[in-house]
C-alpha atoms as a PDB file:
ATOM      1  CA  UNK A   1     -21.370   6.231  -4.317  1.00  0.00           C
ATOM      2  CA  UNK A   2     -17.527   8.061  -4.788  1.00  0.00           C
ATOM      3  CA  UNK A   3     -15.814   9.755  -2.095  1.00  0.00           C
ATOM      4  CA  UNK A   4     -14.625  13.665  -3.365  1.00  0.00           C
ATOM      5  CA  UNK A   5     -12.753  14.232  -0.717  1.00  0.00           C
ATOM      6  CA  UNK A   6     -10.469  10.599  -1.289  1.00  0.00           C
ATOM      7  CA  UNK A   7      -7.512  10.968  -2.849  1.00  0.00           C
ATOM      8  CA  UNK A   8      -7.581   9.565  -6.052  1.00  0.00           C
ATOM      9  CA  UNK A   9      -6.195   5.692  -7.363  1.00  0.00           C
ATOM     10  CA  UNK A  10      -2.443   5.723  -7.491  1.00  0.00           C
ATOM     11  CA  UNK A  11      -1.383   3.337 -10.152  1.00  0.00           C
ATOM     12  CA  UNK A  12       1.996   1.746  -9.785  1.00  0.00           C
ATOM     13  CA  UNK A  13       4.920   1.794 -11.677  1.00  0.00           C
ATOM     14  CA  UNK A  14       6.336  -1.022 -13.967  1.00  0.00           C
ATOM     15  CA  UNK A  15      10.244  -0.891 -11.759  1.00  0.00           C
ATOM     16  CA  UNK A  16       7.587  -2.187  -9.246  1.00  0.00           C
ATOM     17  CA  UNK A  17       6.137  -4.507 -10.635  1.00  0.00           C
ATOM     18  CA  UNK A  18       9.319  -6.675 -12.098  1.00  0.00           C
ATOM     19  CA  UNK A  19      11.009  -5.995  -8.200  1.00  0.00           C
ATOM     20  CA  UNK A  20       8.054  -7.840  -7.091  1.00  0.00           C
ATOM     21  CA  UNK A  21       8.643 -10.845  -9.461  1.00  0.00           C
ATOM     22  CA  UNK A  22      12.427 -10.583  -8.868  1.00  0.00           C
ATOM     23  CA  UNK A  23      11.542 -11.392  -4.937  1.00  0.00           C
ATOM     24  CA  UNK A  24       9.372 -14.288  -5.887  1.00  0.00           C
ATOM     25  CA  UNK A  25      11.441 -15.985  -8.108  1.00  0.00           C
ATOM     26  CA  UNK A  26      14.057 -15.518  -6.093  1.00  0.00           C
ATOM     27  CA  UNK A  27      11.997 -17.371  -3.691  1.00  0.00           C
ATOM     28  CA  UNK A  28      11.015 -20.033  -5.692  1.00  0.00           C
ATOM     29  CA  UNK A  29      15.380 -20.744  -6.123  1.00  0.00           C
ATOM     30  CA  UNK A  30      15.252 -21.308  -2.896  1.00  0.00           C
ATOM     31  CA  UNK A  31      12.690 -24.468  -2.792  1.00  0.00           C
ATOM     32  CA  UNK A  32      14.703 -25.367  -5.347  1.00  0.00           C
ATOM     33  CA  UNK A  33      17.443 -24.939  -3.475  1.00  0.00           C
ATOM     34  CA  UNK A  34      15.628 -26.281  -0.682  1.00  0.00           C
ATOM     35  CA  UNK A  35      15.067 -29.541  -2.746  1.00  0.00           C
ATOM     36  CA  UNK A  36      18.261 -30.302  -3.352  1.00  0.00           C
ATOM     37  CA  UNK A  37      19.447 -29.869  -0.166  1.00  0.00           C
ATOM     38  CA  UNK A  38      17.185 -32.975   0.992  1.00  0.00           C
ATOM     39  CA  UNK A  39      17.911 -35.756  -1.998  1.00  0.00           C
ATOM     40  CA  UNK A  40      21.957 -34.924  -1.500  1.00  0.00           C
ATOM     41  CA  UNK A  41      22.692 -33.813   2.497  1.00  0.00           C
ATOM     42  CA  UNK A  42      22.679 -37.750   3.335  1.00  0.00           C
ATOM     43  CA  UNK A  43      24.921 -38.109   0.547  1.00  0.00           C
ATOM     44  CA  UNK A  44      26.818 -35.335   2.506  1.00  0.00           C
ATOM     45  CA  UNK A  45      26.668 -36.864   5.600  1.00  0.00           C
ATOM     46  CA  UNK A  46      28.496 -40.455   4.780  1.00  0.00           C
ATOM     47  CA  UNK A  47      30.712 -39.014   2.905  1.00  0.00           C
ATOM     48  CA  UNK A  48      32.113 -37.491   6.068  1.00  0.00           C
ATOM     49  CA  UNK A  49      31.461 -39.850   8.090  1.00  0.00           C
ATOM     50  CA  UNK A  50      33.640 -41.933   6.092  1.00  0.00           C
ATOM     51  CA  UNK A  51      36.485 -39.300   5.750  1.00  0.00           C
ATOM     52  CA  UNK A  52      36.465 -39.078   9.280  1.00  0.00           C
ATOM     53  CA  UNK A  53      35.954 -42.696   9.901  1.00  0.00           C
ATOM     54  CA  UNK A  54      39.469 -43.376  11.497  1.00  0.00           C
ATOM     55  CA  UNK A  55      40.067 -40.693  13.256  1.00  0.00           C
ATOM     56  CA  UNK A  56      39.644 -39.330  17.376  1.00  0.00           C
ATOM     57  CA  UNK A  57      36.660 -41.262  18.657  1.00  0.00           C
ATOM     58  CA  UNK A  58      33.754 -38.820  17.855  1.00  0.00           C
ATOM     59  CA  UNK A  59      35.049 -37.289  15.239  1.00  0.00           C
ATOM     60  CA  UNK A  60      32.938 -38.847  12.643  1.00  0.00           C
ATOM     61  CA  UNK A  61      29.678 -38.917  14.160  1.00  0.00           C
ATOM     62  CA  UNK A  62      30.218 -35.438  15.304  1.00  0.00           C
ATOM     63  CA  UNK A  63      31.725 -33.577  11.686  1.00  0.00           C
ATOM     64  CA  UNK A  64      28.848 -34.939  10.268  1.00  0.00           C
ATOM     65  CA  UNK A  65      25.846 -34.878  12.331  1.00  0.00           C
ATOM     66  CA  UNK A  66      26.603 -30.846  12.457  1.00  0.00           C
ATOM     67  CA  UNK A  67      27.228 -30.221   8.680  1.00  0.00           C
ATOM     68  CA  UNK A  68      23.749 -31.905   8.195  1.00  0.00           C
ATOM     69  CA  UNK A  69      22.072 -30.070  10.864  1.00  0.00           C
ATOM     70  CA  UNK A  70      23.617 -27.208   9.492  1.00  0.00           C
ATOM     71  CA  UNK A  71      22.911 -28.091   5.779  1.00  0.00           C
ATOM     72  CA  UNK A  72      18.918 -28.946   6.602  1.00  0.00           C
ATOM     73  CA  UNK A  73      18.520 -25.334   9.876  1.00  0.00           C
ATOM     74  CA  UNK A  74      20.052 -22.676   6.378  1.00  0.00           C
ATOM     75  CA  UNK A  75      18.426 -23.892   3.562  1.00  0.00           C
ATOM     76  CA  UNK A  76      14.792 -23.920   5.933  1.00  0.00           C
ATOM     77  CA  UNK A  77      16.144 -20.814   7.088  1.00  0.00           C
ATOM     78  CA  UNK A  78      16.750 -18.980   4.302  1.00  0.00           C
ATOM     79  CA  UNK A  79      13.169 -20.598   2.714  1.00  0.00           C
ATOM     80  CA  UNK A  80      11.310 -19.075   5.477  1.00  0.00           C
ATOM     81  CA  UNK A  81      13.206 -15.182   4.777  1.00  0.00           C
ATOM     82  CA  UNK A  82      11.938 -15.899   0.895  1.00  0.00           C
ATOM     83  CA  UNK A  83       8.640 -16.277   1.693  1.00  0.00           C
ATOM     84  CA  UNK A  84       8.623 -13.571   3.715  1.00  0.00           C
ATOM     85  CA  UNK A  85       9.607 -11.434   0.844  1.00  0.00           C
ATOM     86  CA  UNK A  86       6.842 -13.164  -1.045  1.00  0.00           C
ATOM     87  CA  UNK A  87       4.521 -10.968   1.323  1.00  0.00           C
ATOM     88  CA  UNK A  88       6.156  -8.433   0.953  1.00  0.00           C
ATOM     89  CA  UNK A  89       6.559  -8.023  -3.193  1.00  0.00           C
ATOM     90  CA  UNK A  90       2.570  -8.601  -2.689  1.00  0.00           C
ATOM     91  CA  UNK A  91       2.509  -5.962  -0.162  1.00  0.00           C
ATOM     92  CA  UNK A  92       4.850  -3.833  -2.289  1.00  0.00           C
ATOM     93  CA  UNK A  93       2.003  -4.102  -4.666  1.00  0.00           C
ATOM     94  CA  UNK A  94       0.194  -1.502  -2.615  1.00  0.00           C
ATOM     95  CA  UNK A  95       2.023   0.540  -2.208  1.00  0.00           C
ATOM     96  CA  UNK A  96       3.333   0.096   1.699  1.00  0.00           C
ATOM     97  CA  UNK A  97       6.199   2.037   2.956  1.00  0.00           C
ATOM     98  CA  UNK A  98       6.611   0.196   5.576  1.00  0.00           C
ATOM     99  CA  UNK A  99       6.915  -2.883   4.160  1.00  0.00           C
ATOM    100  CA  UNK A 100       9.076  -1.212   1.236  1.00  0.00           C
ATOM    101  CA  UNK A 101      11.896  -0.691   3.662  1.00  0.00           C
ATOM    102  CA  UNK A 102      11.706  -3.951   5.304  1.00  0.00           C
ATOM    103  CA  UNK A 103      12.498  -5.279   2.034  1.00  0.00           C
ATOM    104  CA  UNK A 104      15.965  -3.794   1.782  1.00  0.00           C
ATOM    105  CA  UNK A 105      16.740  -4.567   5.170  1.00  0.00           C
ATOM    106  CA  UNK A 106      15.641  -8.812   4.607  1.00  0.00           C
ATOM    107  CA  UNK A 107      16.895  -8.328   1.491  1.00  0.00           C
ATOM    108  CA  UNK A 108      20.438  -7.661   2.235  1.00  0.00           C
ATOM    109  CA  UNK A 109      21.443 -10.396   4.921  1.00  0.00           C
ATOM    110  CA  UNK A 110      19.747 -12.714   2.556  1.00  0.00           C
ATOM    111  CA  UNK A 111      22.671 -11.065  -0.084  1.00  0.00           C
ATOM    112  CA  UNK A 112      25.417 -11.261   3.138  1.00  0.00           C
ATOM    113  CA  UNK A 113      24.073 -15.446   3.650  1.00  0.00           C
ATOM    114  CA  UNK A 114      23.310 -15.753  -0.087  1.00  0.00           C
ATOM    115  CA  UNK A 115      26.751 -14.315  -1.696  1.00  0.00           C
ATOM    116  CA  UNK A 116      28.931 -15.691   1.223  1.00  0.00           C
ATOM    117  CA  UNK A 117      27.803 -18.854   0.449  1.00  0.00           C
ATOM    118  CA  UNK A 118      28.565 -18.688  -3.145  1.00  0.00           C
ATOM    119  CA  UNK A 119      31.678 -16.817  -2.863  1.00  0.00           C
ATOM    120  CA  UNK A 120      32.536 -20.503   0.000  1.00  0.00           C
ATOM    121  CA  UNK A 121      31.725 -22.413  -2.170  1.00  0.00           C
ATOM    122  CA  UNK A 122      34.609 -21.467  -4.320  1.00  0.00           C
ATOM    123  CA  UNK A 123      36.927 -21.162  -2.493  1.00  0.00           C
ATOM    124  CA  UNK A 124      36.981 -24.302  -1.007  1.00  0.00           C
ATOM    125  CA  UNK A 125      33.236 -26.337  -1.315  1.00  0.00           C
ATOM    126  CA  UNK A 126      32.799 -28.294   1.420  1.00  0.00           C
ATOM    127  CA  UNK A 127      35.739 -28.909   2.219  1.00  0.00           C
ATOM    128  CA  UNK A 128      36.377 -25.186   3.219  1.00  0.00           C
ATOM    129  CA  UNK A 129      33.890 -24.789   5.474  1.00  0.00           C
ATOM    130  CA  UNK A 130      36.297 -28.039   7.397  1.00  0.00           C
ATOM    131  CA  UNK A 131      39.002 -26.034   7.844  1.00  0.00           C
ATOM    132  CA  UNK A 132      42.847 -27.002   7.747  1.00  0.00           C
ATOM    133  CA  UNK A 133      42.969 -30.138   8.774  1.00  0.00           C
ATOM    134  CA  UNK A 134      44.545 -30.688  12.855  1.00  0.00           C
ATOM    135  CA  UNK A 135      45.936 -34.075  14.223  1.00  0.00           C
ATOM    136  CA  UNK A 136      45.194 -37.261  12.280  1.00  0.00           C
ATOM    137  CA  UNK A 137      41.864 -35.547  10.255  1.00  0.00           C
ATOM    138  CA  UNK A 138      41.998 -35.530   6.948  1.00  0.00           C
ATOM    139  CA  UNK A 139      42.346 -32.786   4.942  1.00  0.00           C
ATOM    140  CA  UNK A 140      39.547 -30.597   2.919  1.00  0.00           C
ATOM    141  CA  UNK A 141      41.074 -31.114  -0.064  1.00  0.00           C
ATOM    142  CA  UNK A 142      40.400 -34.427   0.631  1.00  0.00           C
ATOM    143  CA  UNK A 143      37.225 -34.383   1.659  1.00  0.00           C
ATOM    144  CA  UNK A 144      35.995 -31.518  -1.976  1.00  0.00           C
ATOM    145  CA  UNK A 145      37.364 -35.200  -3.602  1.00  0.00           C
ATOM    146  CA  UNK A 146      35.270 -37.542  -2.109  1.00  0.00           C
ATOM    147  CA  UNK A 147      32.183 -34.705  -2.363  1.00  0.00           C
ATOM    148  CA  UNK A 148      33.049 -34.892  -5.752  1.00  0.00           C
ATOM    149  CA  UNK A 149      32.975 -38.366  -6.729  1.00  0.00           C
ATOM    150  CA  UNK A 150      30.018 -39.150  -4.360  1.00  0.00           C
ATOM    151  CA  UNK A 151      28.056 -35.914  -5.613  1.00  0.00           C
ATOM    152  CA  UNK A 152      26.207 -35.535  -8.822  1.00  0.00           C
ATOM    153  CA  UNK A 153      27.470 -34.227 -11.311  1.00  0.00           C
ATOM    154  CA  UNK A 154      24.743 -31.892 -12.447  1.00  0.00           C
ATOM    155  CA  UNK A 155      25.287 -30.544  -8.577  1.00  0.00           C
ATOM    156  CA  UNK A 156      28.107 -27.971  -8.027  1.00  0.00           C
ATOM    157  CA  UNK A 157      27.225 -25.754 -11.354  1.00  0.00           C
ATOM    158  CA  UNK A 158      23.246 -25.737 -10.851  1.00  0.00           C
ATOM    159  CA  UNK A 159      24.328 -25.206  -7.232  1.00  0.00           C
ATOM    160  CA  UNK A 160      26.344 -22.439  -8.279  1.00  0.00           C
ATOM    161  CA  UNK A 161      24.024 -21.304 -10.729  1.00  0.00           C
ATOM    162  CA  UNK A 162      21.322 -21.079  -8.852  1.00  0.00           C
ATOM    163  CA  UNK A 163      22.899 -19.618  -6.148  1.00  0.00           C
ATOM    164  CA  UNK A 164      23.940 -16.411  -9.052  1.00  0.00           C
ATOM    165  CA  UNK A 165      20.717 -15.623 -10.436  1.00  0.00           C
ATOM    166  CA  UNK A 166      19.632 -15.604  -6.687  1.00  0.00           C
ATOM    167  CA  UNK A 167      20.956 -13.010  -5.617  1.00  0.00           C
ATOM    168  CA  UNK A 168      21.388 -11.209  -8.651  1.00  0.00           C
ATOM    169  CA  UNK A 169      17.801 -11.278  -9.297  1.00  0.00           C
ATOM    170  CA  UNK A 170      17.643  -9.865  -5.127  1.00  0.00           C
ATOM    171  CA  UNK A 171      19.751  -7.168  -5.925  1.00  0.00           C
ATOM    172  CA  UNK A 172      18.484  -5.658  -8.767  1.00  0.00           C
ATOM    173  CA  UNK A 173      14.877  -5.824  -6.696  1.00  0.00           C
ATOM    174  CA  UNK A 174      16.189  -3.711  -3.833  1.00  0.00           C
ATOM    175  CA  UNK A 175      18.011  -1.632  -6.854  1.00  0.00           C
ATOM    176  CA  UNK A 176      14.085  -1.077  -8.620  1.00  0.00           C
ATOM    177  CA  UNK A 177      12.562  -0.108  -5.302  1.00  0.00           C
ATOM    178  CA  UNK A 178      15.563   2.858  -5.226  1.00  0.00           C
ATOM    179  CA  UNK A 179      14.029   4.817  -8.202  1.00  0.00           C
ATOM    180  CA  UNK A 180      12.757   8.508  -8.455  1.00  0.00           C
ATOM    181  CA  UNK A 181       9.498   6.377 -10.716  1.00  0.00           C
ATOM    182  CA  UNK A 182       9.643   3.667  -6.693  1.00  0.00           C
ATOM    183  CA  UNK A 183       9.609   6.835  -4.427  1.00  0.00           C
ATOM    184  CA  UNK A 184       6.728   8.540  -6.094  1.00  0.00           C
ATOM    185  CA  UNK A 185       4.936   5.728  -5.631  1.00  0.00           C
ATOM    186  CA  UNK A 186       4.916   5.203  -2.303  1.00  0.00           C
ATOM    187  CA  UNK A 187       4.576   7.825  -1.114  1.00  0.00           C
ATOM    188  CA  UNK A 188       1.989   9.172   1.123  1.00  0.00           C
ATOM    189  CA  UNK A 189      -0.293  10.475  -0.894  1.00  0.00           C
ATOM    190  CA  UNK A 190      -2.191  13.730  -0.009  1.00  0.00           C
ATOM    191  CA  UNK A 191      -6.017  14.513  -0.703  1.00  0.00           C
ATOM    192  CA  UNK A 192      -7.014  17.112  -2.712  1.00  0.00           C
ATOM    193  CA  UNK A 193      -9.227  20.266  -1.992  1.00  0.00           C
ATOM    194  CA  UNK A 194     -13.248  20.787  -2.939  1.00  0.00           C
ATOM    195  CA  UNK A 195     -15.052  23.323  -2.961  1.00  0.00           C
ATOM    196  CA  UNK A 196     -17.859  22.925  -0.255  1.00  0.00           C
ATOM    197  CA  UNK A 197     -20.462  21.558  -1.568  1.00  0.00           C
ATOM    198  CA  UNK A 198     -23.787  24.300  -1.204  1.00  0.00           C
ATOM    199  CA  UNK A 199     -26.148  23.033   1.997  1.00  0.00           C
ATOM    200  CA  UNK A 200     -23.007  21.361   2.982  1.00  0.00           C
ATOM    201  CA  UNK A 201     -20.618  21.979   6.257  1.00  0.00           C
ATOM    202  CA  UNK A 202     -17.850  23.058   5.424  1.00  0.00           C
ATOM    203  CA  UNK A 203     -15.038  20.351   5.623  1.00  0.00           C
ATOM    204  CA  UNK A 204     -13.947  20.204   9.389  1.00  0.00           C
ATOM    205  CA  UNK A 205     -16.581  22.827  10.032  1.00  0.00           C
ATOM    206  CA  UNK A 206     -20.113  21.224  12.032  1.00  0.00           C
ATOM    207  CA  UNK A 207     -22.847  23.117  10.377  1.00  0.00           C
ATOM    208  CA  UNK A 208     -24.479  25.253  12.888  1.00  0.00           C
ATOM    209  CA  UNK A 209     -27.966  24.013  14.245  1.00  0.00           C
ATOM    210  CA  UNK A 210     -30.585  26.236  14.064  1.00  0.00           C
ATOM    211  CA  UNK A 211     -28.738  28.551  11.349  1.00  0.00           C
ATOM    212  CA  UNK A 212     -30.830  29.322   7.681  1.00  0.00           C
ATOM    213  CA  UNK A 213     -29.797  27.909   4.121  1.00  0.00           C
ATOM    214  CA  UNK A 214     -28.981  30.703   1.827  1.00  0.00           C
ATOM    215  CA  UNK A 215     -31.082  31.553  -1.512  1.00  0.00           C
ATOM    216  CA  UNK A 216     -31.429  28.866  -3.987  1.00  0.00           C
ATOM    217  CA  UNK A 217     -31.524  25.873  -1.800  1.00  0.00           C
ATOM    218  CA  UNK A 218     -34.671  23.421  -1.123  1.00  0.00           C
ATOM    219  CA  UNK A 219     -36.622  24.302   1.536  1.00  0.00           C
ATOM    220  CA  UNK A 220     -35.599  28.639   1.419  1.00  0.00           C
ATOM    221  CA  UNK A 221     -37.913  30.832   0.653  1.00  0.00           C
ATOM    222  CA  UNK A 222     -38.231  32.674  -2.156  1.00  0.00           C
ATOM    223  CA  UNK A 223     -38.775  36.482  -3.081  1.00  0.00           C
ATOM    224  CA  UNK A 224     -42.767  36.483  -3.913  1.00  0.00           C
ATOM    225  CA  UNK A 225     -43.181  36.638  -7.620  1.00  0.00           C
ATOM    226  CA  UNK A 226     -41.116  34.133  -8.955  1.00  0.00           C
ATOM    227  CA  UNK A 227     -42.561  31.385 -10.380  1.00  0.00           C
ATOM    228  CA  UNK A 228     -43.089  28.007  -8.148  1.00  0.00           C
ATOM    229  CA  UNK A 229     -43.120  30.075  -4.545  1.00  0.00           C
ATOM    230  CA  UNK A 230     -46.165  31.217  -3.193  1.00  0.00           C
ATOM    231  CA  UNK A 231     -45.955  34.793  -2.101  1.00  0.00           C
ATOM    232  CA  UNK A 232     -44.980  36.842   0.143  1.00  0.00           C
ATOM    233  CA  UNK A 233     -47.615  37.271   3.194  1.00  0.00           C
ATOM    234  CA  UNK A 234     -48.295  41.236   1.986  1.00  0.00           C
ATOM    235  CA  UNK A 235     -47.275  41.971  -1.090  1.00  0.00           C
ATOM    236  CA  UNK A 236     -49.206  40.515  -4.267  1.00  0.00           C
ATOM    237  CA  UNK A 237     -47.214  39.192  -7.438  1.00  0.00           C
ATOM    238  CA  UNK A 238     -47.760  42.170  -9.538  1.00  0.00           C
ATOM    239  CA  UNK A 239     -51.526  42.515 -11.670  1.00  0.00           C
ATOM    240  CA  UNK A 240     -53.380  41.843  -9.238  1.00  0.00           C
ATOM    241  CA  UNK A 241     -55.443  44.294  -6.520  1.00  0.00           C
ATOM    242  CA  UNK A 242     -53.574  45.121  -3.189  1.00  0.00           C
ATOM    243  CA  UNK A 243     -55.086  44.751  -0.551  1.00  0.00           C
ATOM    244  CA  UNK A 244     -58.402  46.825   1.124  1.00  0.00           C
ATOM    245  CA  UNK A 245     -56.912  48.963   3.647  1.00  0.00           C
ATOM    246  CA  UNK A 246     -57.982  49.637   6.980  1.00  0.00           C
ATOM    247  CA  UNK A 247     -61.148  51.667   7.793  1.00  0.00           C
ATOM    248  CA  UNK A 248     -62.254  55.602   7.410  1.00  0.00           C
ATOM    249  CA  UNK A 249     -62.029  56.875  10.560  1.00  0.00           C
ATOM    250  CA  UNK A 250     -65.379  59.451  10.723  1.00  0.00           C
ATOM    251  CA  UNK A 251     -63.888  63.217  11.068  1.00  0.00           C
ATOM    252  CA  UNK A 252     -61.196  62.668   8.576  1.00  0.00           C
ATOM    253  CA  UNK A 253     -61.404  64.288   5.033  1.00  0.00           C
ATOM    254  CA  UNK A 254     -61.405  61.200   3.461  1.00  0.00           C
ATOM    255  CA  UNK A 255     -64.775  60.253   5.428  1.00  0.00           C
ATOM    256  CA  UNK A 256     -67.026  63.655   4.304  1.00  0.00           C
ATOM    257  CA  UNK A 257     -69.310  63.656   1.809  1.00  0.00           C
ATOM    258  CA  UNK A 258     -69.056  66.218  -1.564  1.00  0.00           C
ATOM    259  CA  UNK A 259     -70.165  69.666  -1.322  1.00  0.00           C
ATOM    260  CA  UNK A 260     -73.184  68.291  -3.166  1.00  0.00           C
ATOM    261  CA  UNK A 261     -74.523  65.924  -0.164  1.00  0.00           C
ATOM    262  CA  UNK A 262     -74.114  68.605   3.017  1.00  0.00           C
ATOM    263  CA  UNK A 263     -77.206  69.992   4.195  1.00  0.00           C
ATOM    264  CA  UNK A 264     -78.523  73.214   3.772  1.00  0.00           C
ATOM    265  CA  UNK A 265     -76.195  73.046   0.498  1.00  0.00           C
ATOM    266  CA  UNK A 266     -77.243  75.074  -2.446  1.00  0.00           C
ATOM    267  CA  UNK A 267     -77.883  72.509  -5.792  1.00  0.00           C
ATOM    268  CA  UNK A 268     -76.454  74.024  -8.755  1.00  0.00           C
ATOM    269  CA  UNK A 269     -78.664  75.935 -11.057  1.00  0.00           C
ATOM    270  CA  UNK A 270     -79.888  74.529 -14.080  1.00  0.00           C
ATOM    271  CA  UNK A 271     -79.565  76.152 -17.289  1.00  0.00           C
END
């Protein structure tokens, strides 16, 4: 049974649905990036150890281990945030305004992280993250050339392409959630006013105990003479003889006999 006071079901606009698909696409891209990172991070660590092997003590192992830990930690962190976006996408499809606000905050952080990685890679690749040469350490160009030679040829273009697609998909998803149609969908619906049902309590006001029901409701006596209802006491239905009146009181005019029956009266002459 449908509650007459419940708000009508809202239809999800297409902009919200497309936004959720884009959030899921971004999460899938992060899973692919994690797989690529796990497949190549060992090679990157070996290249850094070889590049810093002839430098000051502990420099080779320190740089290689730090780079390895940062690469794995960043990929896992971004993946967890992407999984959170998938959960938010499901909540957005249900019209939860709180999840939409959280999507904007989390999406902005991810755009900054992913965009920063793309800019860093375009500026100097892995070598750009090592900074300039200090002491007897290798230069950034030397490290980058070693990485390009050790890593597969598809690594750099695939990583860059996935990063660009992920940033564009996430940016488009955030913009779609801010369109007017999305605002109407996430706005809290107002319950429509419904007229009170006859015999029921008015919304927000309890029925007064012992108050009689109005005419026309089940259980309330109807006026006499209507079909299906017993006549009211003392008022017979039309066409029926009325109730007998009270007995006459002796001495009243109504109880005296006619003149012919009175004692001493002379009967009328017979012609």
